[in-house]
Amino acid sequence: MPARANAVATARHFANVLFKRWRLSDEEQDTGALIVSELAANAAQHGLSDMTIYLTLHQDRLHIMVNDSGIPEPAQSPDSEADGDEHGRGLEIISALATSVALLRSASGWRTYVSVPLCRKSSAYG
Protein backbone atom coordinates (compact mmCIF):
# COMPACT_ATOMS: atom_id res chain seq x y z
CA MET A 1 0.00 0.00 0.00
CA PRO A 2 1.20 3.56 -0.42
CA ALA A 3 3.32 4.96 2.40
CA ARG A 4 0.91 7.81 3.09
CA ALA A 5 -0.88 9.00 6.21
CA ASN A 6 -4.32 8.13 4.82
CA ALA A 7 -3.21 4.48 4.44
CA VAL A 8 -2.82 4.08 8.22
CA ALA A 9 -6.59 3.78 8.76
CA THR A 10 -6.80 1.23 5.93
CA ALA A 11 -4.03 -0.85 7.52
CA ARG A 12 -5.73 -0.70 10.93
CA HIS A 13 -9.09 -1.71 9.42
CA PHE A 14 -7.54 -4.65 7.56
CA ALA A 15 -5.80 -5.78 10.76
CA ASN A 16 -9.01 -5.53 12.82
CA VAL A 17 -10.94 -7.64 10.31
CA LEU A 18 -8.25 -10.31 10.42
CA PHE A 19 -7.96 -10.21 14.24
CA LYS A 20 -11.72 -10.79 14.54
CA ARG A 21 -11.53 -13.68 12.11
CA TRP A 22 -8.73 -15.15 14.21
CA ARG A 23 -10.99 -14.72 17.29
CA LEU A 24 -8.50 -12.70 19.29
CA SER A 25 -9.83 -11.22 22.51
CA ASP A 26 -10.88 -7.56 22.51
CA GLU A 27 -7.69 -6.63 24.37
CA GLU A 28 -5.52 -8.56 21.90
CA GLN A 29 -7.32 -6.90 18.99
CA ASP A 30 -6.76 -3.45 20.52
CA THR A 31 -3.07 -4.18 21.15
CA GLY A 32 -2.55 -5.51 17.63
CA ALA A 33 -4.40 -2.58 16.06
CA LEU A 34 -2.36 -0.08 18.07
CA ILE A 35 0.90 -1.69 16.97
CA VAL A 36 -0.19 -1.86 13.32
CA SER A 37 -1.25 1.80 13.49
CA GLU A 38 2.06 2.93 15.02
CA LEU A 39 4.18 0.97 12.56
CA ALA A 40 2.08 2.07 9.58
CA ALA A 41 2.29 5.70 10.74
CA ASN A 42 6.09 5.39 10.99
CA ALA A 43 6.23 3.89 7.50
CA ALA A 44 3.95 6.61 6.15
CA GLN A 45 6.09 9.32 7.73
CA HIS A 46 9.49 7.91 6.76
CA GLY A 47 8.77 5.65 3.79
CA LEU A 48 9.46 6.95 0.32
CA SER A 49 6.84 5.19 -1.72
CA ASP A 50 5.16 2.14 -0.25
CA MET A 51 4.80 -0.14 2.75
CA THR A 52 3.88 -3.78 3.18
CA ILE A 53 2.26 -5.17 6.32
CA TYR A 54 2.41 -8.85 7.25
CA LEU A 55 0.29 -10.33 10.05
CA THR A 56 0.69 -13.92 11.18
CA LEU A 57 -0.72 -15.92 14.04
CA HIS A 58 1.40 -18.73 15.39
CA GLN A 59 0.23 -20.64 18.46
CA ASP A 60 0.32 -18.11 21.31
CA ARG A 61 1.97 -15.25 19.40
CA LEU A 62 0.84 -12.53 17.03
CA HIS A 63 3.61 -11.52 14.64
CA ILE A 64 3.51 -8.16 12.88
CA MET A 65 6.02 -7.10 10.26
CA VAL A 66 6.09 -3.84 8.35
CA ASN A 67 8.43 -3.11 5.44
CA ASP A 68 8.90 0.40 4.12
CA SER A 69 11.11 2.12 1.59
CA GLY A 70 12.47 4.71 3.99
CA ILE A 71 16.05 5.86 4.24
CA PRO A 72 17.93 6.22 7.53
CA GLU A 73 17.80 9.63 9.13
CA PRO A 74 20.76 11.14 10.96
CA ALA A 75 20.59 10.66 14.70
CA GLN A 76 19.28 13.66 16.60
CA SER A 77 20.02 14.59 20.15
CA PRO A 78 16.97 14.59 22.45
CA ASP A 79 17.07 18.37 22.90
CA SER A 80 17.18 18.97 19.13
CA GLU A 81 13.66 17.59 18.78
CA ALA A 82 11.39 20.62 19.07
CA ASP A 83 8.19 18.63 19.38
CA GLY A 84 9.53 15.62 21.31
CA ASP A 85 6.40 15.41 23.44
CA GLU A 86 4.30 14.57 20.39
CA HIS A 87 6.59 12.31 18.35
CA GLY A 88 8.99 9.46 18.88
CA ARG A 89 7.10 7.46 21.51
CA GLY A 90 5.56 4.83 19.23
CA LEU A 91 8.39 2.32 19.47
CA GLU A 92 8.52 2.77 23.24
CA ILE A 93 4.82 1.95 23.47
CA ILE A 94 5.23 -1.03 21.14
CA SER A 95 8.20 -2.32 23.17
CA ALA A 96 6.08 -2.21 26.33
CA LEU A 97 3.35 -4.33 24.69
CA ALA A 98 5.53 -6.80 22.78
CA THR A 99 7.91 -9.56 23.78
CA SER A 100 10.27 -8.65 20.96
CA VAL A 101 10.83 -5.76 18.58
CA ALA A 102 13.48 -5.69 15.87
CA LEU A 103 14.28 -2.97 13.35
CA LEU A 104 16.37 -4.10 10.42
CA ARG A 105 17.72 -2.24 7.43
CA SER A 106 16.93 -4.16 4.24
CA ALA A 107 18.01 -3.56 0.66
CA SER A 108 14.81 -1.65 -0.05
CA GLY A 109 14.25 0.20 3.24
CA TRP A 110 13.35 -0.70 6.81
CA ARG A 111 11.79 -3.87 8.18
CA THR A 112 10.21 -3.87 11.64
CA TYR A 113 9.29 -7.13 13.37
CA VAL A 114 7.08 -7.28 16.45
CA SER A 115 5.97 -10.33 18.41
CA VAL A 116 3.05 -10.02 20.84
CA PRO A 117 2.08 -12.70 23.36
CA LEU A 118 -1.53 -13.86 23.37
CA CYS A 119 -3.41 -14.94 26.49
CA ARG A 120 -4.34 -18.25 24.97
CA LYS A 121 -3.50 -20.34 21.99
CA SER A 122 -5.47 -18.89 19.10
CA SER A 123 -6.49 -20.63 15.95
CA ALA A 124 -7.31 -18.95 12.67
CA TYR A 125 -10.18 -21.37 12.14
CA GLY A 126 -11.64 -22.20 15.47
C-alpha atoms as a PDB file:
ATOM      1  CA  MET A   1       0.000   0.000   0.000  1.00  0.00           C
ATOM      2  CA  PRO A   2       1.203   3.564  -0.415  1.00  0.00           C
ATOM      3  CA  ALA A   3       3.323   4.962   2.405  1.00  0.00           C
ATOM      4  CA  ARG A   4       0.908   7.812   3.092  1.00  0.00           C
ATOM      5  CA  ALA A   5      -0.879   9.005   6.213  1.00  0.00           C
ATOM      6  CA  ASN A   6      -4.319   8.127   4.817  1.00  0.00           C
ATOM      7  CA  ALA A   7      -3.209   4.477   4.438  1.00  0.00           C
ATOM      8  CA  VAL A   8      -2.824   4.078   8.220  1.00  0.00           C
ATOM      9  CA  ALA A   9      -6.587   3.782   8.757  1.00  0.00           C
ATOM     10  CA  THR A  10      -6.799   1.232   5.930  1.00  0.00           C
ATOM     11  CA  ALA A  11      -4.033  -0.850   7.519  1.00  0.00           C
ATOM     12  CA  ARG A  12      -5.729  -0.701  10.932  1.00  0.00           C
ATOM     13  CA  HIS A  13      -9.094  -1.709   9.424  1.00  0.00           C
ATOM     14  CA  PHE A  14      -7.541  -4.651   7.557  1.00  0.00           C
ATOM     15  CA  ALA A  15      -5.798  -5.777  10.761  1.00  0.00           C
ATOM     16  CA  ASN A  16      -9.011  -5.532  12.823  1.00  0.00           C
ATOM     17  CA  VAL A  17     -10.938  -7.639  10.315  1.00  0.00           C
ATOM     18  CA  LEU A  18      -8.249 -10.306  10.419  1.00  0.00           C
ATOM     19  CA  PHE A  19      -7.963 -10.213  14.238  1.00  0.00           C
ATOM     20  CA  LYS A  20     -11.723 -10.786  14.537  1.00  0.00           C
ATOM     21  CA  ARG A  21     -11.533 -13.682  12.108  1.00  0.00           C
ATOM     22  CA  TRP A  22      -8.732 -15.155  14.214  1.00  0.00           C
ATOM     23  CA  ARG A  23     -10.986 -14.724  17.286  1.00  0.00           C
ATOM     24  CA  LEU A  24      -8.497 -12.702  19.287  1.00  0.00           C
ATOM     25  CA  SER A  25      -9.827 -11.216  22.508  1.00  0.00           C
ATOM     26  CA  ASP A  26     -10.882  -7.562  22.510  1.00  0.00           C
ATOM     27  CA  GLU A  27      -7.688  -6.634  24.371  1.00  0.00           C
ATOM     28  CA  GLU A  28      -5.520  -8.560  21.900  1.00  0.00           C
ATOM     29  CA  GLN A  29      -7.322  -6.896  18.989  1.00  0.00           C
ATOM     30  CA  ASP A  30      -6.761  -3.453  20.523  1.00  0.00           C
ATOM     31  CA  THR A  31      -3.074  -4.183  21.148  1.00  0.00           C
ATOM     32  CA  GLY A  32      -2.552  -5.511  17.631  1.00  0.00           C
ATOM     33  CA  ALA A  33      -4.399  -2.585  16.056  1.00  0.00           C
ATOM     34  CA  LEU A  34      -2.365  -0.081  18.070  1.00  0.00           C
ATOM     35  CA  ILE A  35       0.895  -1.689  16.972  1.00  0.00           C
ATOM     36  CA  VAL A  36      -0.189  -1.863  13.318  1.00  0.00           C
ATOM     37  CA  SER A  37      -1.247   1.803  13.488  1.00  0.00           C
ATOM     38  CA  GLU A  38       2.057   2.930  15.015  1.00  0.00           C
ATOM     39  CA  LEU A  39       4.181   0.968  12.556  1.00  0.00           C
ATOM     40  CA  ALA A  40       2.077   2.069   9.578  1.00  0.00           C
ATOM     41  CA  ALA A  41       2.293   5.695  10.738  1.00  0.00           C
ATOM     42  CA  ASN A  42       6.088   5.391  10.991  1.00  0.00           C
ATOM     43  CA  ALA A  43       6.231   3.886   7.496  1.00  0.00           C
ATOM     44  CA  ALA A  44       3.948   6.614   6.154  1.00  0.00           C
ATOM     45  CA  GLN A  45       6.090   9.319   7.728  1.00  0.00           C
ATOM     46  CA  HIS A  46       9.486   7.913   6.765  1.00  0.00           C
ATOM     47  CA  GLY A  47       8.773   5.649   3.788  1.00  0.00           C
ATOM     48  CA  LEU A  48       9.465   6.951   0.320  1.00  0.00           C
ATOM     49  CA  SER A  49       6.839   5.186  -1.724  1.00  0.00           C
ATOM     50  CA  ASP A  50       5.159   2.135  -0.252  1.00  0.00           C
ATOM     51  CA  MET A  51       4.797  -0.136   2.750  1.00  0.00           C
ATOM     52  CA  THR A  52       3.880  -3.780   3.185  1.00  0.00           C
ATOM     53  CA  ILE A  53       2.260  -5.170   6.323  1.00  0.00           C
ATOM     54  CA  TYR A  54       2.407  -8.849   7.253  1.00  0.00           C
ATOM     55  CA  LEU A  55       0.288 -10.333  10.045  1.00  0.00           C
ATOM     56  CA  THR A  56       0.689 -13.917  11.176  1.00  0.00           C
ATOM     57  CA  LEU A  57      -0.718 -15.918  14.037  1.00  0.00           C
ATOM     58  CA  HIS A  58       1.402 -18.734  15.388  1.00  0.00           C
ATOM     59  CA  GLN A  59       0.231 -20.640  18.457  1.00  0.00           C
ATOM     60  CA  ASP A  60       0.317 -18.113  21.313  1.00  0.00           C
ATOM     61  CA  ARG A  61       1.973 -15.247  19.400  1.00  0.00           C
ATOM     62  CA  LEU A  62       0.839 -12.534  17.028  1.00  0.00           C
ATOM     63  CA  HIS A  63       3.610 -11.522  14.636  1.00  0.00           C
ATOM     64  CA  ILE A  64       3.509  -8.163  12.882  1.00  0.00           C
ATOM     65  CA  MET A  65       6.025  -7.100  10.261  1.00  0.00           C
ATOM     66  CA  VAL A  66       6.087  -3.841   8.347  1.00  0.00           C
ATOM     67  CA  ASN A  67       8.430  -3.107   5.444  1.00  0.00           C
ATOM     68  CA  ASP A  68       8.898   0.402   4.120  1.00  0.00           C
ATOM     69  CA  SER A  69      11.107   2.120   1.588  1.00  0.00           C
ATOM     70  CA  GLY A  70      12.474   4.710   3.989  1.00  0.00           C
ATOM     71  CA  ILE A  71      16.054   5.858   4.239  1.00  0.00           C
ATOM     72  CA  PRO A  72      17.932   6.221   7.526  1.00  0.00           C
ATOM     73  CA  GLU A  73      17.798   9.627   9.126  1.00  0.00           C
ATOM     74  CA  PRO A  74      20.761  11.140  10.959  1.00  0.00           C
ATOM     75  CA  ALA A  75      20.593  10.661  14.703  1.00  0.00           C
ATOM     76  CA  GLN A  76      19.281  13.661  16.604  1.00  0.00           C
ATOM     77  CA  SER A  77      20.019  14.588  20.154  1.00  0.00           C
ATOM     78  CA  PRO A  78      16.974  14.585  22.452  1.00  0.00           C
ATOM     79  CA  ASP A  79      17.069  18.366  22.899  1.00  0.00           C
ATOM     80  CA  SER A  80      17.179  18.975  19.134  1.00  0.00           C
ATOM     81  CA  GLU A  81      13.664  17.587  18.779  1.00  0.00           C
ATOM     82  CA  ALA A  82      11.388  20.617  19.070  1.00  0.00           C
ATOM     83  CA  ASP A  83       8.189  18.629  19.384  1.00  0.00           C
ATOM     84  CA  GLY A  84       9.535  15.623  21.309  1.00  0.00           C
ATOM     85  CA  ASP A  85       6.400  15.414  23.435  1.00  0.00           C
ATOM     86  CA  GLU A  86       4.301  14.572  20.393  1.00  0.00           C
ATOM     87  CA  HIS A  87       6.593  12.306  18.354  1.00  0.00           C
ATOM     88  CA  GLY A  88       8.990   9.457  18.885  1.00  0.00           C
ATOM     89  CA  ARG A  89       7.095   7.456  21.507  1.00  0.00           C
ATOM     90  CA  GLY A  90       5.558   4.827  19.225  1.00  0.00           C
ATOM     91  CA  LEU A  91       8.387   2.319  19.470  1.00  0.00           C
ATOM     92  CA  GLU A  92       8.518   2.774  23.245  1.00  0.00           C
ATOM     93  CA  ILE A  93       4.818   1.951  23.468  1.00  0.00           C
ATOM     94  CA  ILE A  94       5.233  -1.032  21.139  1.00  0.00           C
ATOM     95  CA  SER A  95       8.200  -2.319  23.166  1.00  0.00           C
ATOM     96  CA  ALA A  96       6.077  -2.207  26.329  1.00  0.00           C
ATOM     97  CA  LEU A  97       3.346  -4.328  24.687  1.00  0.00           C
ATOM     98  CA  ALA A  98       5.526  -6.796  22.781  1.00  0.00           C
ATOM     99  CA  THR A  99       7.912  -9.557  23.783  1.00  0.00           C
ATOM    100  CA  SER A 100      10.274  -8.646  20.965  1.00  0.00           C
ATOM    101  CA  VAL A 101      10.830  -5.762  18.581  1.00  0.00           C
ATOM    102  CA  ALA A 102      13.480  -5.686  15.872  1.00  0.00           C
ATOM    103  CA  LEU A 103      14.280  -2.967  13.352  1.00  0.00           C
ATOM    104  CA  LEU A 104      16.369  -4.096  10.418  1.00  0.00           C
ATOM    105  CA  ARG A 105      17.720  -2.238   7.425  1.00  0.00           C
ATOM    106  CA  SER A 106      16.928  -4.155   4.240  1.00  0.00           C
ATOM    107  CA  ALA A 107      18.007  -3.558   0.656  1.00  0.00           C
ATOM    108  CA  SER A 108      14.808  -1.649  -0.046  1.00  0.00           C
ATOM    109  CA  GLY A 109      14.249   0.198   3.238  1.00  0.00           C
ATOM    110  CA  TRP A 110      13.347  -0.704   6.806  1.00  0.00           C
ATOM    111  CA  ARG A 111      11.791  -3.874   8.178  1.00  0.00           C
ATOM    112  CA  THR A 112      10.211  -3.866  11.640  1.00  0.00           C
ATOM    113  CA  TYR A 113       9.292  -7.129  13.373  1.00  0.00           C
ATOM    114  CA  VAL A 114       7.080  -7.283  16.452  1.00  0.00           C
ATOM    115  CA  SER A 115       5.967 -10.333  18.413  1.00  0.00           C
ATOM    116  CA  VAL A 116       3.052 -10.022  20.836  1.00  0.00           C
ATOM    117  CA  PRO A 117       2.081 -12.703  23.362  1.00  0.00           C
ATOM    118  CA  LEU A 118      -1.531 -13.856  23.366  1.00  0.00           C
ATOM    119  CA  CYS A 119      -3.412 -14.935  26.486  1.00  0.00           C
ATOM    120  CA  ARG A 120      -4.344 -18.247  24.973  1.00  0.00           C
ATOM    121  CA  LYS A 121      -3.504 -20.339  21.990  1.00  0.00           C
ATOM    122  CA  SER A 122      -5.467 -18.886  19.102  1.00  0.00           C
ATOM    123  CA  SER A 123      -6.493 -20.627  15.952  1.00  0.00           C
ATOM    124  CA  ALA A 124      -7.306 -18.949  12.674  1.00  0.00           C
ATOM    125  CA  TYR A 125     -10.179 -21.368  12.143  1.00  0.00           C
ATOM    126  CA  GLY A 126     -11.638 -22.204  15.474  1.00  0.00           C
END
